[in-house]
């Protein structure tokens, strides 16, 4: 598992999932609300900068998954 900083490409709040982009995760990294730091709001916004751990594991058409996501403070 590796750590990087990236951007929320899209977030489907009503479904609880989205896609994160970073140079280390080409094609996007799948993300689920259950993996967001619980001290932060669960709803993400497109364009938001986040830190996340990622692992190379295919799911829902993405080659990478984010098991831990932390929004950067604004």
PDB file of N, CA and C in Angstrom:
ATOM      1  N   UNK A   1       0.851  -1.173   0.000  1.00  0.00           N
ATOM      2  CA  UNK A   1       0.000   0.000   0.000  1.00  0.00           C
ATOM      3  C   UNK A   1       0.899   1.240   0.000  1.00  0.00           C
ATOM      4  N   UNK A   2       0.501   2.244  -0.770  1.00  0.00           N
ATOM      5  CA  UNK A   2       1.268   3.487  -0.878  1.00  0.00           C
ATOM      6  C   UNK A   2       0.373   4.681  -0.562  1.00  0.00           C
ATOM      7  N   UNK A   3       0.989   5.801  -0.231  1.00  0.00           N
ATOM      8  CA  UNK A   3       0.260   7.031   0.123  1.00  0.00           C
ATOM      9  C   UNK A   3       0.563   8.113  -0.906  1.00  0.00           C
ATOM     10  N   UNK A   4      -0.453   8.905  -1.233  1.00  0.00           N
ATOM     11  CA  UNK A   4      -0.294   9.982  -2.202  1.00  0.00           C
ATOM     12  C   UNK A   4      -1.276  11.104  -1.899  1.00  0.00           C
ATOM     13  N   UNK A   5      -1.131  12.198  -2.607  1.00  0.00           N
ATOM     14  CA  UNK A   5      -2.092  13.302  -2.569  1.00  0.00           C
ATOM     15  C   UNK A   5      -2.726  13.380  -3.941  1.00  0.00           C
ATOM     16  N   UNK A   6      -4.035  13.577  -3.978  1.00  0.00           N
ATOM     17  CA  UNK A   6      -4.732  13.632  -5.253  1.00  0.00           C
ATOM     18  C   UNK A   6      -5.962  14.513  -5.190  1.00  0.00           C
ATOM     19  N   UNK A   7      -6.769  14.413  -6.227  1.00  0.00           N
ATOM     20  CA  UNK A   7      -7.959  15.238  -6.385  1.00  0.00           C
ATOM     21  C   UNK A   7      -9.184  14.352  -6.566  1.00  0.00           C
ATOM     22  N   UNK A   8     -10.298  14.782  -5.979  1.00  0.00           N
ATOM     23  CA  UNK A   8     -11.562  14.078  -6.199  1.00  0.00           C
ATOM     24  C   UNK A   8     -12.035  14.415  -7.610  1.00  0.00           C
ATOM     25  N   UNK A   9     -12.111  13.416  -8.480  1.00  0.00           N
ATOM     26  CA  UNK A   9     -12.590  13.630  -9.854  1.00  0.00           C
ATOM     27  C   UNK A   9     -14.107  13.781  -9.840  1.00  0.00           C
ATOM     28  N   UNK A  10     -14.766  12.884  -9.173  1.00  0.00           N
ATOM     29  CA  UNK A  10     -16.225  12.888  -9.090  1.00  0.00           C
ATOM     30  C   UNK A  10     -16.617  12.223  -7.780  1.00  0.00           C
ATOM     31  N   UNK A  11     -17.709  12.697  -7.182  1.00  0.00           N
ATOM     32  CA  UNK A  11     -18.205  12.077  -5.952  1.00  0.00           C
ATOM     33  C   UNK A  11     -19.717  11.954  -6.050  1.00  0.00           C
ATOM     34  N   UNK A  12     -20.215  10.734  -5.931  1.00  0.00           N
ATOM     35  CA  UNK A  12     -21.651  10.445  -5.976  1.00  0.00           C
ATOM     36  C   UNK A  12     -22.140  10.301  -4.530  1.00  0.00           C
ATOM     37  N   UNK A  13     -22.449  11.437  -3.918  1.00  0.00           N
ATOM     38  CA  UNK A  13     -22.825  11.441  -2.516  1.00  0.00           C
ATOM     39  C   UNK A  13     -24.009  10.555  -2.190  1.00  0.00           C
ATOM     40  N   UNK A  14     -24.987  10.526  -3.087  1.00  0.00           N
ATOM     41  CA  UNK A  14     -26.173   9.716  -2.837  1.00  0.00           C
ATOM     42  C   UNK A  14     -25.859   8.220  -2.882  1.00  0.00           C
ATOM     43  N   UNK A  15     -24.781   7.847  -3.565  1.00  0.00           N
ATOM     44  CA  UNK A  15     -24.378   6.444  -3.662  1.00  0.00           C
ATOM     45  C   UNK A  15     -23.191   6.116  -2.754  1.00  0.00           C
ATOM     46  N   UNK A  16     -22.507   7.155  -2.274  1.00  0.00           N
ATOM     47  CA  UNK A  16     -21.409   6.962  -1.333  1.00  0.00           C
ATOM     48  C   UNK A  16     -20.089   6.524  -1.937  1.00  0.00           C
ATOM     49  N   UNK A  17     -19.859   6.839  -3.202  1.00  0.00           N
ATOM     50  CA  UNK A  17     -18.582   6.478  -3.810  1.00  0.00           C
ATOM     51  C   UNK A  17     -18.147   7.521  -4.819  1.00  0.00           C
ATOM     52  N   UNK A  18     -16.865   7.441  -5.184  1.00  0.00           N
ATOM     53  CA  UNK A  18     -16.337   8.379  -6.161  1.00  0.00           C
ATOM     54  C   UNK A  18     -15.020   7.890  -6.726  1.00  0.00           C
ATOM     55  N   UNK A  19     -14.336   8.794  -7.423  1.00  0.00           N
ATOM     56  CA  UNK A  19     -13.067   8.477  -8.068  1.00  0.00           C
ATOM     57  C   UNK A  19     -12.052   9.550  -7.695  1.00  0.00           C
ATOM     58  N   UNK A  20     -10.860   9.108  -7.324  1.00  0.00           N
ATOM     59  CA  UNK A  20      -9.763  10.002  -6.978  1.00  0.00           C
ATOM     60  C   UNK A  20      -8.699   9.905  -8.060  1.00  0.00           C
ATOM     61  N   UNK A  21      -8.042  11.019  -8.365  1.00  0.00           N
ATOM     62  CA  UNK A  21      -6.977  11.031  -9.366  1.00  0.00           C
ATOM     63  C   UNK A  21      -5.662  11.446  -8.732  1.00  0.00           C
ATOM     64  N   UNK A  22      -4.593  10.773  -9.140  1.00  0.00           N
ATOM     65  CA  UNK A  22      -3.234  11.152  -8.759  1.00  0.00           C
ATOM     66  C   UNK A  22      -2.287  10.572  -9.799  1.00  0.00           C
ATOM     67  N   UNK A  23      -1.073  11.102  -9.892  1.00  0.00           N
ATOM     68  CA  UNK A  23      -0.117  10.552 -10.849  1.00  0.00           C
ATOM     69  C   UNK A  23       0.192   9.073 -10.589  1.00  0.00           C
ATOM     70  N   UNK A  24       0.112   8.655  -9.338  1.00  0.00           N
ATOM     71  CA  UNK A  24       0.419   7.270  -8.974  1.00  0.00           C
ATOM     72  C   UNK A  24      -0.698   6.289  -9.301  1.00  0.00           C
ATOM     73  N   UNK A  25      -1.913   6.812  -9.570  1.00  0.00           N
ATOM     74  CA  UNK A  25      -3.066   5.937  -9.838  1.00  0.00           C
ATOM     75  C   UNK A  25      -3.686   6.286 -11.194  1.00  0.00           C
ATOM     76  N   UNK A  26      -2.962   6.041 -12.289  1.00  0.00           N
ATOM     77  CA  UNK A  26      -3.479   6.400 -13.608  1.00  0.00           C
ATOM     78  C   UNK A  26      -4.797   5.701 -13.922  1.00  0.00           C
ATOM     79  N   UNK A  27      -5.734   6.467 -14.480  1.00  0.00           N
ATOM     80  CA  UNK A  27      -7.051   5.928 -14.788  1.00  0.00           C
ATOM     81  C   UNK A  27      -8.048   6.094 -13.655  1.00  0.00           C
ATOM     82  N   UNK A  28      -7.569   6.513 -12.495  1.00  0.00           N
ATOM     83  CA  UNK A  28      -8.457   6.765 -11.366  1.00  0.00           C
ATOM     84  C   UNK A  28      -8.385   5.690 -10.303  1.00  0.00           C
ATOM     85  N   UNK A  29      -8.762   6.077  -9.113  1.00  0.00           N
ATOM     86  CA  UNK A  29      -8.738   5.210  -7.942  1.00  0.00           C
ATOM     87  C   UNK A  29     -10.143   5.213  -7.339  1.00  0.00           C
ATOM     88  N   UNK A  30     -10.770   4.063  -7.262  1.00  0.00           N
ATOM     89  CA  UNK A  30     -12.102   3.961  -6.681  1.00  0.00           C
ATOM     90  C   UNK A  30     -12.069   4.273  -5.192  1.00  0.00           C
ATOM     91  N   UNK A  31     -13.102   4.950  -4.712  1.00  0.00           N
ATOM     92  CA  UNK A  31     -13.167   5.339  -3.309  1.00  0.00           C
ATOM     93  C   UNK A  31     -14.590   5.159  -2.791  1.00  0.00           C
ATOM     94  N   UNK A  32     -14.717   4.811  -1.514  1.00  0.00           N
ATOM     95  CA  UNK A  32     -16.025   4.613  -0.879  1.00  0.00           C
ATOM     96  C   UNK A  32     -16.069   5.432   0.407  1.00  0.00           C
ATOM     97  N   UNK A  33     -17.249   5.956   0.741  1.00  0.00           N
ATOM     98  CA  UNK A  33     -17.368   6.831   1.910  1.00  0.00           C
ATOM     99  C   UNK A  33     -16.921   6.143   3.194  1.00  0.00           C
ATOM    100  N   UNK A  34     -17.061   4.832   3.282  1.00  0.00           N
ATOM    101  CA  UNK A  34     -16.697   4.123   4.517  1.00  0.00           C
ATOM    102  C   UNK A  34     -15.193   4.186   4.793  1.00  0.00           C
ATOM    103  N   UNK A  35     -14.393   4.593   3.803  1.00  0.00           N
ATOM    104  CA  UNK A  35     -12.947   4.679   3.976  1.00  0.00           C
ATOM    105  C   UNK A  35     -12.451   6.092   4.252  1.00  0.00           C
ATOM    106  N   UNK A  36     -13.363   7.039   4.399  1.00  0.00           N
ATOM    107  CA  UNK A  36     -12.975   8.425   4.702  1.00  0.00           C
ATOM    108  C   UNK A  36     -12.792   8.574   6.207  1.00  0.00           C
ATOM    109  N   UNK A  37     -11.764   9.298   6.594  1.00  0.00           N
ATOM    110  CA  UNK A  37     -11.492   9.571   8.009  1.00  0.00           C
ATOM    111  C   UNK A  37     -12.784  10.001   8.698  1.00  0.00           C
ATOM    112  N   UNK A  38     -13.175   9.288   9.724  1.00  0.00           N
ATOM    113  CA  UNK A  38     -14.472   9.511  10.382  1.00  0.00           C
ATOM    114  C   UNK A  38     -14.580  10.836  11.118  1.00  0.00           C
ATOM    115  N   UNK A  39     -13.461  11.525  11.326  1.00  0.00           N
ATOM    116  CA  UNK A  39     -13.542  12.833  11.970  1.00  0.00           C
ATOM    117  C   UNK A  39     -13.901  13.918  10.961  1.00  0.00           C
ATOM    118  N   UNK A  40     -13.938  13.545   9.680  1.00  0.00           N
ATOM    119  CA  UNK A  40     -14.243  14.495   8.610  1.00  0.00           C
ATOM    120  C   UNK A  40     -15.649  14.226   8.066  1.00  0.00           C
ATOM    121  N   UNK A  41     -16.191  15.186   7.343  1.00  0.00           N
ATOM    122  CA  UNK A  41     -17.470  14.961   6.679  1.00  0.00           C
ATOM    123  C   UNK A  41     -17.322  13.864   5.651  1.00  0.00           C
ATOM    124  N   UNK A  42     -18.343  13.078   5.458  1.00  0.00           N
ATOM    125  CA  UNK A  42     -18.272  11.983   4.507  1.00  0.00           C
ATOM    126  C   UNK A  42     -18.532  12.424   3.076  1.00  0.00           C
ATOM    127  N   UNK A  43     -19.196  13.529   2.882  1.00  0.00           N
ATOM    128  CA  UNK A  43     -19.523  13.969   1.524  1.00  0.00           C
ATOM    129  C   UNK A  43     -18.335  14.713   0.936  1.00  0.00           C
ATOM    130  N   UNK A  44     -17.869  14.248  -0.197  1.00  0.00           N
ATOM    131  CA  UNK A  44     -16.743  14.863  -0.879  1.00  0.00           C
ATOM    132  C   UNK A  44     -17.258  15.687  -2.046  1.00  0.00           C
ATOM    133  N   UNK A  45     -16.417  16.584  -2.527  1.00  0.00           N
ATOM    134  CA  UNK A  45     -16.774  17.427  -3.661  1.00  0.00           C
ATOM    135  C   UNK A  45     -15.737  17.263  -4.757  1.00  0.00           C
ATOM    136  N   UNK A  46     -16.174  17.297  -6.006  1.00  0.00           N
ATOM    137  CA  UNK A  46     -15.241  17.257  -7.131  1.00  0.00           C
ATOM    138  C   UNK A  46     -14.265  18.417  -6.999  1.00  0.00           C
ATOM    139  N   UNK A  47     -12.994  18.160  -7.240  1.00  0.00           N
ATOM    140  CA  UNK A  47     -11.960  19.180  -7.147  1.00  0.00           C
ATOM    141  C   UNK A  47     -11.281  19.257  -5.789  1.00  0.00           C
ATOM    142  N   UNK A  48     -11.835  18.614  -4.789  1.00  0.00           N
ATOM    143  CA  UNK A  48     -11.249  18.644  -3.450  1.00  0.00           C
ATOM    144  C   UNK A  48      -9.921  17.884  -3.444  1.00  0.00           C
ATOM    145  N   UNK A  49      -8.952  18.392  -2.704  1.00  0.00           N
ATOM    146  CA  UNK A  49      -7.650  17.748  -2.564  1.00  0.00           C
ATOM    147  C   UNK A  49      -7.702  16.820  -1.350  1.00  0.00           C
ATOM    148  N   UNK A  50      -7.244  15.592  -1.531  1.00  0.00           N
ATOM    149  CA  UNK A  50      -7.254  14.606  -0.454  1.00  0.00           C
ATOM    150  C   UNK A  50      -5.921  13.859  -0.418  1.00  0.00           C
ATOM    151  N   UNK A  51      -5.590  13.338   0.751  1.00  0.00           N
ATOM    152  CA  UNK A  51      -4.487  12.393   0.904  1.00  0.00           C
ATOM    153  C   UNK A  51      -5.136  11.018   0.994  1.00  0.00           C
ATOM    154  N   UNK A  52      -4.517  10.039   0.362  1.00  0.00           N
ATOM    155  CA  UNK A  52      -5.093   8.701   0.469  1.00  0.00           C
ATOM    156  C   UNK A  52      -4.060   7.609   0.280  1.00  0.00           C
ATOM    157  N   UNK A  53      -4.311   6.508   0.951  1.00  0.00           N
ATOM    158  CA  UNK A  53      -3.558   5.294   0.706  1.00  0.00           C
ATOM    159  C   UNK A  53      -4.227   4.621  -0.472  1.00  0.00           C
ATOM    160  N   UNK A  54      -3.436   3.933  -1.285  1.00  0.00           N
ATOM    161  CA  UNK A  54      -4.012   3.223  -2.416  1.00  0.00           C
ATOM    162  C   UNK A  54      -3.332   1.871  -2.552  1.00  0.00           C
ATOM    163  N   UNK A  55      -4.093   0.964  -3.137  1.00  0.00           N
ATOM    164  CA  UNK A  55      -3.551  -0.352  -3.428  1.00  0.00           C
ATOM    165  C   UNK A  55      -4.013  -0.767  -4.811  1.00  0.00           C
ATOM    166  N   UNK A  56      -3.187  -1.527  -5.490  1.00  0.00           N
ATOM    167  CA  UNK A  56      -3.535  -1.976  -6.823  1.00  0.00           C
ATOM    168  C   UNK A  56      -4.425  -3.205  -6.685  1.00  0.00           C
ATOM    169  N   UNK A  57      -5.724  -2.967  -6.885  1.00  0.00           N
ATOM    170  CA  UNK A  57      -6.733  -4.016  -6.755  1.00  0.00           C
ATOM    171  C   UNK A  57      -7.922  -3.590  -7.598  1.00  0.00           C
ATOM    172  N   UNK A  58      -8.293  -4.388  -8.545  1.00  0.00           N
ATOM    173  CA  UNK A  58      -9.373  -4.029  -9.476  1.00  0.00           C
ATOM    174  C   UNK A  58     -10.757  -4.163  -8.844  1.00  0.00           C
ATOM    175  N   UNK A  59     -11.581  -3.145  -9.118  1.00  0.00           N
ATOM    176  CA  UNK A  59     -12.983  -3.184  -8.712  1.00  0.00           C
ATOM    177  C   UNK A  59     -13.743  -2.127  -9.498  1.00  0.00           C
ATOM    178  N   UNK A  60     -14.896  -2.502 -10.011  1.00  0.00           N
ATOM    179  CA  UNK A  60     -15.778  -1.574 -10.722  1.00  0.00           C
ATOM    180  C   UNK A  60     -15.081  -0.827 -11.855  1.00  0.00           C
ATOM    181  N   UNK A  61     -14.156  -1.485 -12.528  1.00  0.00           N
ATOM    182  CA  UNK A  61     -13.486  -0.879 -13.674  1.00  0.00           C
ATOM    183  C   UNK A  61     -12.270  -0.039 -13.336  1.00  0.00           C
ATOM    184  N   UNK A  62     -11.904   0.062 -12.078  1.00  0.00           N
ATOM    185  CA  UNK A  62     -10.721   0.819 -11.667  1.00  0.00           C
ATOM    186  C   UNK A  62      -9.648  -0.153 -11.197  1.00  0.00           C
ATOM    187  N   UNK A  63      -8.393   0.138 -11.549  1.00  0.00           N
ATOM    188  CA  UNK A  63      -7.278  -0.734 -11.189  1.00  0.00           C
ATOM    189  C   UNK A  63      -6.750  -0.466  -9.779  1.00  0.00           C
ATOM    190  N   UNK A  64      -7.220   0.629  -9.161  1.00  0.00           N
ATOM    191  CA  UNK A  64      -6.734   1.017  -7.838  1.00  0.00           C
ATOM    192  C   UNK A  64      -7.913   1.297  -6.913  1.00  0.00           C
ATOM    193  N   UNK A  65      -7.709   1.018  -5.619  1.00  0.00           N
ATOM    194  CA  UNK A  65      -8.715   1.309  -4.596  1.00  0.00           C
ATOM    195  C   UNK A  65      -8.062   2.083  -3.454  1.00  0.00           C
ATOM    196  N   UNK A  66      -8.852   2.943  -2.818  1.00  0.00           N
ATOM    197  CA  UNK A  66      -8.361   3.762  -1.713  1.00  0.00           C
ATOM    198  C   UNK A  66      -8.969   3.281  -0.397  1.00  0.00           C
ATOM    199  N   UNK A  67      -8.207   2.518   0.413  1.00  0.00           N
ATOM    200  CA  UNK A  67      -8.741   2.035   1.681  1.00  0.00           C
ATOM    201  C   UNK A  67      -8.710   3.059   2.814  1.00  0.00           C
ATOM    202  N   UNK A  68      -8.075   4.211   2.582  1.00  0.00           N
ATOM    203  CA  UNK A  68      -7.990   5.243   3.623  1.00  0.00           C
ATOM    204  C   UNK A  68      -7.891   6.605   2.946  1.00  0.00           C
ATOM    205  N   UNK A  69      -8.841   7.496   3.255  1.00  0.00           N
ATOM    206  CA  UNK A  69      -8.899   8.820   2.615  1.00  0.00           C
ATOM    207  C   UNK A  69      -8.982   9.898   3.686  1.00  0.00           C
ATOM    208  N   UNK A  70      -8.160  10.929   3.550  1.00  0.00           N
ATOM    209  CA  UNK A  70      -8.187  12.050   4.486  1.00  0.00           C
ATOM    210  C   UNK A  70      -8.214  13.360   3.723  1.00  0.00           C
ATOM    211  N   UNK A  71      -9.293  14.135   3.872  1.00  0.00           N
ATOM    212  CA  UNK A  71      -9.343  15.449   3.221  1.00  0.00           C
ATOM    213  C   UNK A  71      -8.255  16.372   3.785  1.00  0.00           C
ATOM    214  N   UNK A  72      -7.671  17.181   2.932  1.00  0.00           N
ATOM    215  CA  UNK A  72      -6.708  18.183   3.411  1.00  0.00           C
ATOM    216  C   UNK A  72      -7.505  19.345   4.002  1.00  0.00           C
ATOM    217  N   UNK A  73      -6.979  19.925   5.054  1.00  0.00           N
ATOM    218  CA  UNK A  73      -7.677  21.069   5.647  1.00  0.00           C
ATOM    219  C   UNK A  73      -7.582  22.257   4.709  1.00  0.00           C
ATOM    220  N   UNK A  74      -8.664  23.013   4.624  1.00  0.00           N
ATOM    221  CA  UNK A  74      -8.691  24.187   3.744  1.00  0.00           C
ATOM    222  C   UNK A  74      -8.259  25.420   4.485  1.00  0.00           C
TER     223      UNK A  74
END
